Amino acid sequence: MSVYFLVVMPKTLNRDHGYPLRVVVPGVIGARSVKWLDSVNVIAEECQGFFMQKDYKMFPPSVDWENIDWSTRKPQMDFPIQCAICSLEDVTATKPGKIKISGYAVAGGGRGIERVDVSVDGGKTWMEASRYQKTGIPYIADDISSDKWAWVLFEFIVDVKHSTEIVAKAVDVAANVQPENVKEIWNLRGILNTSWHRVQVRVGHSNM
């Protein structure tokens, strides 16, 4: 197994962010990025700690707390395609007119983001958002210069005339797409809910 470490030191780290040194392992979920270590041990077998053995694991719907067997599953190290709208909050009162919808998308395994689709009618119709990692430079999923393990930012400007539900979903270069709702991916632990991100937007005093 190969392990790659990325050490970024643009400026002095404070204690809250891991002073004196922070190590990031690209492609591994954030739950594995533990701070303030006293030591690092390189071992041949999987860590036997609680979180690796009896926490971050996914099981099928047939498994419940009565019949769960933790040893039958590997811990979750990767994450599926996902995106989130960051510029709006649920039931945000706004005036009719143009608003900017923006957020991030990321795919596991170093896969690029093929596109981010945005809907302003609850998922009935979709439009493609623009994507970038560097301001002013369009993002190309398979471009050698793109940061495969980093977030891809997206934005879309839309004319909203009445209250509605705004939805976003992402697709990666392997054609993996976010599920419509959590029912499709339900699991005992409730982890990795990457269903469509939905935001309810209220325009003026109109009703949904």
N, C-alpha and C. Protein backbone atom coordinates (compact mmCIF):
# COMPACT_ATOMS: atom_id res chain seq x y z
N MET A 1 0.84 -1.19 0.00
CA MET A 1 0.00 0.00 0.00
C MET A 1 0.88 1.24 0.00
N SER A 2 0.54 2.18 -0.86
CA SER A 2 1.28 3.44 -0.91
C SER A 2 0.53 4.51 -0.13
N VAL A 3 1.25 5.30 0.63
CA VAL A 3 0.66 6.38 1.40
C VAL A 3 1.33 7.68 0.98
N TYR A 4 0.52 8.67 0.58
CA TYR A 4 1.04 9.95 0.14
C TYR A 4 0.65 11.03 1.13
N PHE A 5 1.59 11.84 1.54
CA PHE A 5 1.32 12.91 2.47
C PHE A 5 1.51 14.25 1.78
N LEU A 6 0.59 15.15 2.05
CA LEU A 6 0.67 16.50 1.52
C LEU A 6 0.81 17.46 2.70
N VAL A 7 1.91 18.15 2.75
CA VAL A 7 2.16 19.10 3.83
C VAL A 7 2.11 20.51 3.25
N VAL A 8 1.17 21.30 3.72
CA VAL A 8 0.99 22.65 3.22
C VAL A 8 1.28 23.63 4.35
N MET A 9 2.23 24.53 4.13
CA MET A 9 2.62 25.48 5.17
C MET A 9 2.69 26.90 4.59
N PRO A 10 1.55 27.48 4.15
CA PRO A 10 1.59 28.82 3.59
C PRO A 10 1.88 29.89 4.64
N LYS A 11 1.54 29.58 5.89
CA LYS A 11 1.83 30.50 6.98
C LYS A 11 1.84 29.70 8.28
N THR A 12 2.26 30.33 9.35
CA THR A 12 2.35 29.64 10.63
C THR A 12 0.98 29.15 11.09
N LEU A 13 0.91 27.88 11.46
CA LEU A 13 -0.34 27.30 11.95
C LEU A 13 -0.57 27.69 13.40
N ASN A 14 -1.83 27.93 13.75
CA ASN A 14 -2.12 28.12 15.17
C ASN A 14 -2.49 26.77 15.79
N ARG A 15 -2.62 26.72 17.08
CA ARG A 15 -2.85 25.46 17.77
C ARG A 15 -4.16 24.80 17.34
N ASP A 16 -5.21 25.60 17.12
CA ASP A 16 -6.50 25.05 16.73
C ASP A 16 -6.44 24.32 15.40
N HIS A 17 -5.46 24.66 14.58
CA HIS A 17 -5.34 24.04 13.26
C HIS A 17 -4.17 23.06 13.19
N GLY A 18 -3.64 22.67 14.36
CA GLY A 18 -2.67 21.59 14.36
C GLY A 18 -1.21 21.97 14.54
N TYR A 19 -0.93 23.17 15.04
CA TYR A 19 0.46 23.59 15.25
C TYR A 19 1.26 22.49 15.97
N PRO A 20 2.49 22.23 15.57
CA PRO A 20 3.33 23.00 14.63
C PRO A 20 3.28 22.48 13.19
N LEU A 21 2.60 21.34 12.96
CA LEU A 21 2.59 20.74 11.64
C LEU A 21 1.27 20.03 11.41
N ARG A 22 0.71 20.20 10.22
CA ARG A 22 -0.51 19.48 9.89
C ARG A 22 -0.29 18.67 8.62
N VAL A 23 -0.72 17.44 8.65
CA VAL A 23 -0.55 16.54 7.52
C VAL A 23 -1.93 16.19 6.96
N VAL A 24 -2.07 16.30 5.65
CA VAL A 24 -3.33 15.98 4.98
C VAL A 24 -3.09 14.77 4.08
N VAL A 25 -3.96 13.77 4.18
CA VAL A 25 -3.86 12.59 3.33
C VAL A 25 -4.94 12.69 2.26
N PRO A 26 -4.58 13.04 1.03
CA PRO A 26 -5.58 13.26 -0.02
C PRO A 26 -6.44 12.02 -0.26
N GLY A 27 -7.75 12.24 -0.39
CA GLY A 27 -8.67 11.17 -0.72
C GLY A 27 -9.23 10.42 0.46
N VAL A 28 -8.76 10.68 1.65
CA VAL A 28 -9.25 9.99 2.84
C VAL A 28 -10.22 10.91 3.58
N ILE A 29 -11.36 10.37 4.03
CA ILE A 29 -12.39 11.20 4.64
C ILE A 29 -11.87 11.93 5.87
N GLY A 30 -12.48 13.06 6.16
CA GLY A 30 -12.02 13.93 7.24
C GLY A 30 -12.00 13.29 8.61
N ALA A 31 -12.86 12.28 8.81
CA ALA A 31 -12.90 11.60 10.12
C ALA A 31 -11.57 10.94 10.45
N ARG A 32 -10.74 10.74 9.43
CA ARG A 32 -9.43 10.11 9.65
C ARG A 32 -8.33 11.14 9.90
N SER A 33 -8.66 12.40 9.77
CA SER A 33 -7.65 13.46 9.96
C SER A 33 -7.66 13.89 11.43
N VAL A 34 -6.93 13.17 12.24
CA VAL A 34 -6.91 13.42 13.68
C VAL A 34 -5.79 14.40 14.02
N LYS A 35 -6.09 15.35 14.91
CA LYS A 35 -5.11 16.37 15.29
C LYS A 35 -4.43 16.01 16.60
N TRP A 36 -3.37 16.72 16.89
CA TRP A 36 -2.67 16.65 18.18
C TRP A 36 -2.25 15.21 18.53
N LEU A 37 -1.52 14.60 17.63
CA LEU A 37 -1.01 13.25 17.88
C LEU A 37 0.23 13.31 18.77
N ASP A 38 0.35 12.33 19.64
CA ASP A 38 1.56 12.19 20.45
C ASP A 38 2.62 11.36 19.72
N SER A 39 2.14 10.44 18.87
CA SER A 39 3.08 9.59 18.13
C SER A 39 2.39 9.04 16.90
N VAL A 40 3.17 8.55 15.96
CA VAL A 40 2.67 7.92 14.74
C VAL A 40 3.32 6.55 14.63
N ASN A 41 2.48 5.52 14.53
CA ASN A 41 2.99 4.15 14.40
C ASN A 41 2.63 3.58 13.04
N VAL A 42 3.59 3.00 12.38
CA VAL A 42 3.35 2.32 11.10
C VAL A 42 3.18 0.84 11.40
N ILE A 43 1.97 0.33 11.13
CA ILE A 43 1.66 -1.07 11.46
C ILE A 43 1.15 -1.81 10.22
N ALA A 44 1.33 -3.11 10.20
CA ALA A 44 0.95 -3.91 9.03
C ALA A 44 -0.54 -4.20 8.98
N GLU A 45 -1.20 -4.23 10.14
CA GLU A 45 -2.61 -4.57 10.18
C GLU A 45 -3.46 -3.32 10.39
N GLU A 46 -4.74 -3.47 10.14
CA GLU A 46 -5.67 -2.37 10.33
C GLU A 46 -5.76 -1.97 11.80
N CYS A 47 -5.90 -0.67 12.04
CA CYS A 47 -6.02 -0.18 13.41
C CYS A 47 -7.23 -0.82 14.09
N GLN A 48 -7.07 -1.23 15.34
CA GLN A 48 -8.14 -1.90 16.07
C GLN A 48 -8.93 -0.94 16.97
N GLY A 49 -8.74 0.35 16.80
CA GLY A 49 -9.44 1.34 17.60
C GLY A 49 -10.95 1.32 17.35
N PHE A 50 -11.69 1.91 18.28
CA PHE A 50 -13.15 1.89 18.23
C PHE A 50 -13.71 2.45 16.93
N PHE A 51 -13.25 3.62 16.49
CA PHE A 51 -13.84 4.27 15.34
C PHE A 51 -13.58 3.51 14.05
N MET A 52 -12.46 2.81 13.96
CA MET A 52 -12.19 2.01 12.77
C MET A 52 -12.97 0.70 12.78
N GLN A 53 -13.21 0.16 13.96
CA GLN A 53 -13.83 -1.15 14.04
C GLN A 53 -15.33 -1.14 14.31
N LYS A 54 -15.83 -0.13 15.01
CA LYS A 54 -17.23 -0.16 15.41
C LYS A 54 -17.93 1.19 15.26
N ASP A 55 -17.60 1.91 14.20
CA ASP A 55 -18.27 3.19 14.02
C ASP A 55 -18.49 3.51 12.54
N TYR A 56 -17.47 3.94 11.83
CA TYR A 56 -17.63 4.40 10.46
C TYR A 56 -17.67 3.22 9.48
N LYS A 57 -18.76 2.47 9.52
CA LYS A 57 -18.97 1.34 8.62
C LYS A 57 -20.39 1.39 8.08
N MET A 58 -20.57 0.91 6.85
CA MET A 58 -21.90 0.92 6.23
C MET A 58 -22.45 -0.50 6.16
N PHE A 59 -23.74 -0.63 6.42
CA PHE A 59 -24.40 -1.93 6.39
C PHE A 59 -25.69 -1.84 5.56
N PRO A 60 -26.16 -2.96 5.01
CA PRO A 60 -27.40 -2.96 4.23
C PRO A 60 -28.62 -2.75 5.12
N PRO A 61 -29.77 -2.42 4.53
CA PRO A 61 -30.99 -2.18 5.32
C PRO A 61 -31.44 -3.37 6.17
N SER A 62 -30.99 -4.58 5.82
CA SER A 62 -31.40 -5.76 6.59
C SER A 62 -30.71 -5.87 7.94
N VAL A 63 -29.69 -5.05 8.16
CA VAL A 63 -28.93 -5.09 9.41
C VAL A 63 -29.49 -4.06 10.39
N ASP A 64 -29.71 -4.50 11.64
CA ASP A 64 -30.13 -3.58 12.68
C ASP A 64 -29.24 -3.79 13.90
N TRP A 65 -29.56 -3.08 14.99
CA TRP A 65 -28.69 -3.14 16.18
C TRP A 65 -28.75 -4.50 16.87
N GLU A 66 -29.73 -5.32 16.50
CA GLU A 66 -29.85 -6.64 17.11
C GLU A 66 -28.99 -7.69 16.42
N ASN A 67 -28.75 -7.53 15.11
CA ASN A 67 -28.00 -8.56 14.39
C ASN A 67 -26.71 -8.06 13.76
N ILE A 68 -26.28 -6.87 14.12
CA ILE A 68 -25.09 -6.29 13.52
C ILE A 68 -23.83 -7.09 13.87
N ASP A 69 -23.00 -7.31 12.86
CA ASP A 69 -21.70 -7.96 13.04
C ASP A 69 -20.65 -7.04 12.44
N TRP A 70 -19.99 -6.28 13.29
CA TRP A 70 -19.05 -5.25 12.84
C TRP A 70 -17.93 -5.82 11.98
N SER A 71 -17.55 -7.06 12.22
CA SER A 71 -16.39 -7.64 11.54
C SER A 71 -16.65 -7.94 10.07
N THR A 72 -17.91 -7.86 9.63
CA THR A 72 -18.23 -8.19 8.24
C THR A 72 -18.03 -7.02 7.28
N ARG A 73 -17.68 -5.85 7.80
CA ARG A 73 -17.50 -4.69 6.93
C ARG A 73 -16.18 -3.98 7.22
N LYS A 74 -15.63 -3.41 6.16
CA LYS A 74 -14.43 -2.60 6.28
C LYS A 74 -14.82 -1.17 6.66
N PRO A 75 -13.95 -0.44 7.34
CA PRO A 75 -14.27 0.95 7.67
C PRO A 75 -14.31 1.81 6.41
N GLN A 76 -15.13 2.84 6.45
CA GLN A 76 -15.27 3.74 5.31
C GLN A 76 -14.06 4.67 5.22
N MET A 77 -13.34 4.60 4.12
CA MET A 77 -12.16 5.45 3.94
C MET A 77 -12.36 6.48 2.83
N ASP A 78 -13.22 6.16 1.90
CA ASP A 78 -13.48 7.03 0.76
C ASP A 78 -14.88 7.63 0.91
N PHE A 79 -15.24 8.55 0.05
CA PHE A 79 -16.59 9.10 0.10
C PHE A 79 -17.15 9.24 -1.31
N PRO A 80 -18.46 9.19 -1.46
CA PRO A 80 -19.08 9.27 -2.77
C PRO A 80 -19.24 10.71 -3.25
N ILE A 81 -19.65 10.85 -4.49
CA ILE A 81 -19.88 12.17 -5.09
C ILE A 81 -20.89 12.96 -4.26
N GLN A 82 -20.62 14.23 -4.09
CA GLN A 82 -21.50 15.08 -3.30
C GLN A 82 -21.32 16.54 -3.65
N CYS A 83 -22.32 17.34 -3.34
CA CYS A 83 -22.21 18.79 -3.49
C CYS A 83 -23.17 19.45 -2.52
N ALA A 84 -22.96 20.72 -2.27
CA ALA A 84 -23.82 21.46 -1.35
C ALA A 84 -23.92 22.91 -1.80
N ILE A 85 -25.10 23.49 -1.61
CA ILE A 85 -25.31 24.91 -1.87
C ILE A 85 -24.91 25.67 -0.61
N CYS A 86 -24.01 26.62 -0.75
CA CYS A 86 -23.50 27.35 0.42
C CYS A 86 -23.95 28.81 0.46
N SER A 87 -24.54 29.30 -0.61
CA SER A 87 -24.87 30.73 -0.67
C SER A 87 -26.27 31.04 -0.17
N LEU A 88 -27.09 30.00 0.05
CA LEU A 88 -28.47 30.22 0.46
C LEU A 88 -28.79 29.39 1.69
N GLU A 89 -29.72 29.87 2.50
CA GLU A 89 -30.21 29.13 3.64
C GLU A 89 -31.70 28.85 3.45
N ASP A 90 -32.19 27.80 4.10
CA ASP A 90 -33.60 27.46 3.99
C ASP A 90 -34.49 28.64 4.39
N VAL A 91 -35.57 28.83 3.63
CA VAL A 91 -36.58 29.85 3.88
C VAL A 91 -35.94 31.23 4.02
N THR A 92 -35.04 31.53 3.10
CA THR A 92 -34.44 32.85 3.05
C THR A 92 -35.39 33.81 2.35
N ALA A 93 -35.77 34.88 3.01
CA ALA A 93 -36.66 35.86 2.40
C ALA A 93 -35.85 36.74 1.45
N THR A 94 -36.26 36.80 0.20
CA THR A 94 -35.54 37.60 -0.77
C THR A 94 -36.53 38.26 -1.71
N LYS A 95 -36.09 39.24 -2.44
CA LYS A 95 -36.94 39.92 -3.40
C LYS A 95 -36.90 39.19 -4.73
N PRO A 96 -37.97 39.29 -5.53
CA PRO A 96 -37.94 38.69 -6.87
C PRO A 96 -36.78 39.27 -7.67
N GLY A 97 -36.14 38.43 -8.46
CA GLY A 97 -35.01 38.90 -9.27
C GLY A 97 -33.88 37.88 -9.31
N LYS A 98 -32.75 38.31 -9.77
CA LYS A 98 -31.62 37.41 -9.96
C LYS A 98 -30.88 37.16 -8.64
N ILE A 99 -30.58 35.89 -8.40
CA ILE A 99 -29.76 35.52 -7.24
C ILE A 99 -28.67 34.57 -7.70
N LYS A 100 -27.56 34.59 -6.97
CA LYS A 100 -26.46 33.69 -7.31
C LYS A 100 -26.49 32.46 -6.41
N ILE A 101 -26.48 31.30 -7.03
CA ILE A 101 -26.43 30.03 -6.31
C ILE A 101 -25.01 29.52 -6.42
N SER A 102 -24.35 29.30 -5.29
CA SER A 102 -22.97 28.83 -5.34
C SER A 102 -22.72 27.82 -4.23
N GLY A 103 -21.69 27.01 -4.42
CA GLY A 103 -21.36 26.00 -3.44
C GLY A 103 -20.14 25.20 -3.87
N TYR A 104 -20.03 23.98 -3.36
CA TYR A 104 -18.88 23.14 -3.69
C TYR A 104 -19.35 21.75 -4.12
N ALA A 105 -18.47 21.05 -4.83
CA ALA A 105 -18.68 19.65 -5.19
C ALA A 105 -17.36 18.92 -5.04
N VAL A 106 -17.43 17.64 -4.67
CA VAL A 106 -16.21 16.86 -4.54
C VAL A 106 -16.55 15.39 -4.78
N ALA A 107 -15.62 14.66 -5.38
CA ALA A 107 -15.81 13.24 -5.65
C ALA A 107 -14.68 12.45 -5.01
N GLY A 108 -14.98 11.26 -4.54
CA GLY A 108 -13.97 10.42 -3.93
C GLY A 108 -13.04 9.80 -4.97
N GLY A 109 -11.96 9.24 -4.48
CA GLY A 109 -11.04 8.51 -5.35
C GLY A 109 -10.29 9.35 -6.35
N GLY A 110 -10.25 10.65 -6.17
CA GLY A 110 -9.54 11.50 -7.11
C GLY A 110 -10.26 11.69 -8.43
N ARG A 111 -11.55 11.36 -8.47
CA ARG A 111 -12.32 11.53 -9.71
C ARG A 111 -12.75 12.99 -9.86
N GLY A 112 -12.67 13.49 -11.06
CA GLY A 112 -13.04 14.87 -11.32
C GLY A 112 -14.55 15.06 -11.33
N ILE A 113 -14.97 16.31 -11.21
CA ILE A 113 -16.38 16.65 -11.26
C ILE A 113 -16.76 16.95 -12.71
N GLU A 114 -17.58 16.08 -13.29
CA GLU A 114 -17.99 16.24 -14.69
C GLU A 114 -18.94 17.42 -14.84
N ARG A 115 -19.88 17.56 -13.89
CA ARG A 115 -20.78 18.70 -13.95
C ARG A 115 -21.53 18.83 -12.62
N VAL A 116 -22.13 20.00 -12.42
CA VAL A 116 -23.03 20.24 -11.31
C VAL A 116 -24.32 20.76 -11.91
N ASP A 117 -25.42 20.08 -11.62
CA ASP A 117 -26.73 20.47 -12.13
C ASP A 117 -27.51 21.21 -11.05
N VAL A 118 -28.17 22.28 -11.44
CA VAL A 118 -28.97 23.09 -10.52
C VAL A 118 -30.41 23.15 -11.03
N SER A 119 -31.35 23.00 -10.13
CA SER A 119 -32.77 23.10 -10.47
C SER A 119 -33.41 24.17 -9.60
N VAL A 120 -34.28 24.97 -10.20
CA VAL A 120 -34.99 25.99 -9.43
C VAL A 120 -36.48 25.68 -9.35
N ASP A 121 -36.84 24.44 -9.68
CA ASP A 121 -38.24 24.03 -9.57
C ASP A 121 -38.36 22.68 -8.87
N GLY A 122 -37.50 22.43 -7.90
CA GLY A 122 -37.59 21.23 -7.10
C GLY A 122 -37.11 19.96 -7.78
N GLY A 123 -36.37 20.07 -8.89
CA GLY A 123 -35.84 18.89 -9.56
C GLY A 123 -36.60 18.48 -10.81
N LYS A 124 -37.54 19.30 -11.28
CA LYS A 124 -38.28 18.97 -12.49
C LYS A 124 -37.43 19.23 -13.73
N THR A 125 -36.71 20.36 -13.74
CA THR A 125 -35.82 20.69 -14.85
C THR A 125 -34.47 21.10 -14.28
N TRP A 126 -33.42 20.95 -15.10
CA TRP A 126 -32.06 21.17 -14.62
C TRP A 126 -31.26 22.05 -15.58
N MET A 127 -30.30 22.78 -15.01
CA MET A 127 -29.37 23.59 -15.78
C MET A 127 -27.97 23.38 -15.22
N GLU A 128 -26.98 23.45 -16.08
CA GLU A 128 -25.61 23.19 -15.65
C GLU A 128 -24.95 24.45 -15.10
N ALA A 129 -24.34 24.32 -13.94
CA ALA A 129 -23.65 25.45 -13.31
C ALA A 129 -22.21 25.53 -13.83
N SER A 130 -21.62 26.69 -13.75
CA SER A 130 -20.21 26.84 -14.10
C SER A 130 -19.36 26.35 -12.94
N ARG A 131 -18.15 25.85 -13.24
CA ARG A 131 -17.28 25.27 -12.22
C ARG A 131 -15.89 25.88 -12.30
N TYR A 132 -15.25 25.99 -11.15
CA TYR A 132 -13.89 26.50 -11.12
C TYR A 132 -13.21 26.09 -9.82
N GLN A 133 -11.88 26.05 -9.86
CA GLN A 133 -11.08 25.89 -8.65
C GLN A 133 -10.27 27.14 -8.38
N LYS A 134 -9.93 27.82 -9.44
CA LYS A 134 -9.23 29.11 -9.33
C LYS A 134 -10.13 30.17 -9.93
N THR A 135 -10.30 31.26 -9.23
CA THR A 135 -11.20 32.32 -9.66
C THR A 135 -10.91 32.77 -11.10
N GLY A 136 -11.94 32.79 -11.92
CA GLY A 136 -11.80 33.26 -13.29
C GLY A 136 -11.31 32.23 -14.28
N ILE A 137 -10.97 31.02 -13.80
CA ILE A 137 -10.47 29.97 -14.69
C ILE A 137 -11.46 28.81 -14.67
N PRO A 138 -12.15 28.54 -15.78
CA PRO A 138 -13.12 27.45 -15.82
C PRO A 138 -12.46 26.11 -15.47
N TYR A 139 -13.18 25.28 -14.75
CA TYR A 139 -12.67 23.97 -14.34
C TYR A 139 -12.93 22.93 -15.42
N ILE A 140 -11.90 22.15 -15.76
CA ILE A 140 -12.03 21.05 -16.71
C ILE A 140 -11.67 19.77 -15.97
N ALA A 141 -12.60 18.84 -15.87
CA ALA A 141 -12.45 17.67 -15.00
C ALA A 141 -11.18 16.87 -15.26
N ASP A 142 -10.83 16.65 -16.53
CA ASP A 142 -9.68 15.80 -16.85
C ASP A 142 -8.41 16.59 -17.13
N ASP A 143 -8.44 17.88 -16.90
CA ASP A 143 -7.25 18.70 -17.12
C ASP A 143 -6.16 18.30 -16.14
N ILE A 144 -4.94 18.16 -16.63
CA ILE A 144 -3.82 17.72 -15.79
C ILE A 144 -3.52 18.72 -14.68
N SER A 145 -3.93 19.97 -14.87
CA SER A 145 -3.64 21.00 -13.87
C SER A 145 -4.70 21.08 -12.77
N SER A 146 -5.80 20.35 -12.91
CA SER A 146 -6.85 20.41 -11.88
C SER A 146 -6.42 19.66 -10.63
N ASP A 147 -6.88 20.12 -9.49
CA ASP A 147 -6.55 19.48 -8.21
C ASP A 147 -7.55 18.37 -7.96
N LYS A 148 -7.14 17.12 -8.20
CA LYS A 148 -8.07 16.00 -8.18
C LYS A 148 -8.71 15.77 -6.82
N TRP A 149 -8.02 16.12 -5.75
CA TRP A 149 -8.53 15.80 -4.42
C TRP A 149 -9.22 17.00 -3.76
N ALA A 150 -9.27 18.12 -4.46
CA ALA A 150 -9.80 19.35 -3.85
C ALA A 150 -11.24 19.60 -4.26
N TRP A 151 -11.91 20.46 -3.50
CA TRP A 151 -13.26 20.88 -3.84
C TRP A 151 -13.26 21.59 -5.18
N VAL A 152 -14.35 21.42 -5.90
CA VAL A 152 -14.63 22.20 -7.10
C VAL A 152 -15.78 23.14 -6.74
N LEU A 153 -15.59 24.41 -6.99
CA LEU A 153 -16.63 25.40 -6.68
C LEU A 153 -17.56 25.57 -7.89
N PHE A 154 -18.81 25.84 -7.61
CA PHE A 154 -19.76 26.06 -8.70
C PHE A 154 -20.61 27.28 -8.40
N GLU A 155 -21.15 27.86 -9.47
CA GLU A 155 -22.08 28.97 -9.30
C GLU A 155 -23.01 29.07 -10.49
N PHE A 156 -24.17 29.63 -10.22
CA PHE A 156 -25.20 29.75 -11.25
C PHE A 156 -26.09 30.93 -10.87
N ILE A 157 -26.36 31.79 -11.83
CA ILE A 157 -27.23 32.94 -11.58
C ILE A 157 -28.59 32.67 -12.21
N VAL A 158 -29.63 32.82 -11.41
CA VAL A 158 -30.97 32.50 -11.87
C VAL A 158 -31.94 33.61 -11.48
N ASP A 159 -32.97 33.77 -12.29
CA ASP A 159 -34.01 34.76 -12.03
C ASP A 159 -35.16 34.07 -11.28
N VAL A 160 -35.31 34.37 -10.01
CA VAL A 160 -36.35 33.74 -9.18
C VAL A 160 -37.51 34.71 -8.99
N LYS A 161 -38.68 34.29 -9.43
CA LYS A 161 -39.84 35.17 -9.38
C LYS A 161 -40.81 34.83 -8.24
N HIS A 162 -40.70 33.60 -7.71
CA HIS A 162 -41.62 33.19 -6.65
C HIS A 162 -40.93 32.17 -5.76
N SER A 163 -41.54 31.89 -4.63
CA SER A 163 -40.96 30.93 -3.70
C SER A 163 -40.84 29.56 -4.36
N THR A 164 -39.74 28.87 -4.06
CA THR A 164 -39.49 27.60 -4.73
C THR A 164 -38.46 26.79 -3.95
N GLU A 165 -38.19 25.60 -4.45
CA GLU A 165 -37.14 24.76 -3.89
C GLU A 165 -35.99 24.70 -4.90
N ILE A 166 -34.80 25.09 -4.45
CA ILE A 166 -33.61 25.04 -5.29
C ILE A 166 -32.82 23.79 -4.92
N VAL A 167 -32.40 23.04 -5.95
CA VAL A 167 -31.73 21.76 -5.74
C VAL A 167 -30.42 21.72 -6.51
N ALA A 168 -29.43 21.05 -5.95
CA ALA A 168 -28.16 20.86 -6.65
C ALA A 168 -27.73 19.40 -6.55
N LYS A 169 -27.16 18.87 -7.63
CA LYS A 169 -26.58 17.53 -7.62
C LYS A 169 -25.36 17.51 -8.54
N ALA A 170 -24.40 16.69 -8.18
CA ALA A 170 -23.15 16.62 -8.93
C ALA A 170 -22.98 15.27 -9.60
N VAL A 171 -22.19 15.25 -10.67
CA VAL A 171 -21.87 14.04 -11.41
C VAL A 171 -20.36 14.01 -11.60
N ASP A 172 -19.71 12.85 -11.32
CA ASP A 172 -18.27 12.79 -11.52
C ASP A 172 -17.92 12.18 -12.87
N VAL A 173 -16.63 12.08 -13.19
CA VAL A 173 -16.20 11.63 -14.51
C VAL A 173 -16.51 10.16 -14.75
N ALA A 174 -16.82 9.41 -13.71
CA ALA A 174 -17.21 8.01 -13.86
C ALA A 174 -18.73 7.86 -13.97
N ALA A 175 -19.43 8.98 -14.10
CA ALA A 175 -20.89 9.03 -14.23
C ALA A 175 -21.61 8.66 -12.94
N ASN A 176 -20.93 8.70 -11.81
CA ASN A 176 -21.60 8.55 -10.53
C ASN A 176 -22.38 9.82 -10.24
N VAL A 177 -23.60 9.68 -9.75
CA VAL A 177 -24.44 10.84 -9.49
C VAL A 177 -25.08 10.70 -8.11
N GLN A 178 -25.35 11.81 -7.48
CA GLN A 178 -25.99 11.78 -6.17
C GLN A 178 -27.40 11.21 -6.26
N PRO A 179 -27.82 10.42 -5.28
CA PRO A 179 -29.19 9.90 -5.27
C PRO A 179 -30.18 11.01 -4.96
N GLU A 180 -31.42 10.80 -5.38
CA GLU A 180 -32.44 11.83 -5.19
C GLU A 180 -32.77 12.06 -3.73
N ASN A 181 -32.83 10.99 -2.93
CA ASN A 181 -33.19 11.16 -1.52
C ASN A 181 -32.47 10.12 -0.66
N VAL A 182 -32.49 10.34 0.63
CA VAL A 182 -31.76 9.48 1.55
C VAL A 182 -32.37 8.08 1.64
N LYS A 183 -33.63 7.93 1.27
CA LYS A 183 -34.27 6.61 1.33
C LYS A 183 -33.55 5.61 0.45
N GLU A 184 -32.96 6.10 -0.65
CA GLU A 184 -32.29 5.21 -1.59
C GLU A 184 -30.97 4.68 -1.06
N ILE A 185 -30.39 5.35 -0.09
CA ILE A 185 -29.07 4.96 0.41
C ILE A 185 -29.06 4.78 1.92
N TRP A 186 -30.22 4.55 2.50
CA TRP A 186 -30.32 4.44 3.95
C TRP A 186 -29.42 3.33 4.47
N ASN A 187 -28.79 3.58 5.61
CA ASN A 187 -27.98 2.56 6.27
C ASN A 187 -28.07 2.76 7.78
N LEU A 188 -27.75 1.73 8.52
CA LEU A 188 -27.93 1.71 9.97
C LEU A 188 -27.24 2.88 10.67
N ARG A 189 -26.04 3.18 10.27
CA ARG A 189 -25.29 4.24 10.92
C ARG A 189 -25.68 5.63 10.45
N GLY A 190 -26.35 5.70 9.30
CA GLY A 190 -26.77 7.00 8.79
C GLY A 190 -25.65 7.81 8.18
N ILE A 191 -24.55 7.16 7.84
CA ILE A 191 -23.40 7.91 7.30
C ILE A 191 -23.52 8.08 5.79
N LEU A 192 -22.79 9.07 5.30
CA LEU A 192 -22.67 9.35 3.87
C LEU A 192 -24.01 9.62 3.19
N ASN A 193 -24.81 10.45 3.81
CA ASN A 193 -26.04 10.90 3.16
C ASN A 193 -25.66 11.97 2.14
N THR A 194 -25.53 11.56 0.90
CA THR A 194 -25.11 12.47 -0.17
C THR A 194 -26.25 12.72 -1.16
N SER A 195 -27.47 12.67 -0.69
CA SER A 195 -28.61 12.91 -1.58
C SER A 195 -28.64 14.38 -2.02
N TRP A 196 -29.48 14.66 -3.02
CA TRP A 196 -29.57 16.02 -3.56
C TRP A 196 -29.67 17.04 -2.43
N HIS A 197 -28.93 18.14 -2.56
CA HIS A 197 -29.03 19.21 -1.57
C HIS A 197 -30.18 20.13 -1.97
N ARG A 198 -31.10 20.32 -1.04
CA ARG A 198 -32.31 21.11 -1.30
C ARG A 198 -32.37 22.33 -0.38
N VAL A 199 -32.73 23.46 -0.95
CA VAL A 199 -32.88 24.69 -0.17
C VAL A 199 -34.23 25.31 -0.51
N GLN A 200 -35.02 25.58 0.52
CA GLN A 200 -36.31 26.24 0.32
C GLN A 200 -36.09 27.76 0.34
N VAL A 201 -36.52 28.42 -0.72
CA VAL A 201 -36.34 29.87 -0.82
C VAL A 201 -37.69 30.56 -0.88
N ARG A 202 -37.90 31.50 0.01
CA ARG A 202 -39.14 32.25 0.05
C ARG A 202 -38.93 33.63 -0.57
N VAL A 203 -39.71 33.94 -1.56
CA VAL A 203 -39.61 35.24 -2.23
C VAL A 203 -40.76 36.12 -1.75
N GLY A 204 -40.43 37.22 -1.13
CA GLY A 204 -41.44 38.15 -0.64
C GLY A 204 -42.31 37.45 0.40
N HIS A 205 -43.64 37.58 0.26
CA HIS A 205 -44.57 36.98 1.20
C HIS A 205 -45.44 35.93 0.51
N SER A 206 -45.01 35.45 -0.64
CA SER A 206 -45.81 34.48 -1.37
C SER A 206 -45.71 33.11 -0.70
N ASN A 207 -46.63 32.23 -1.03
CA ASN A 207 -46.62 30.88 -0.47
C ASN A 207 -45.98 29.91 -1.45
N MET A 208 -45.46 28.80 -0.90
CA MET A 208 -44.85 27.78 -1.74
C MET A 208 -45.92 27.12 -2.61
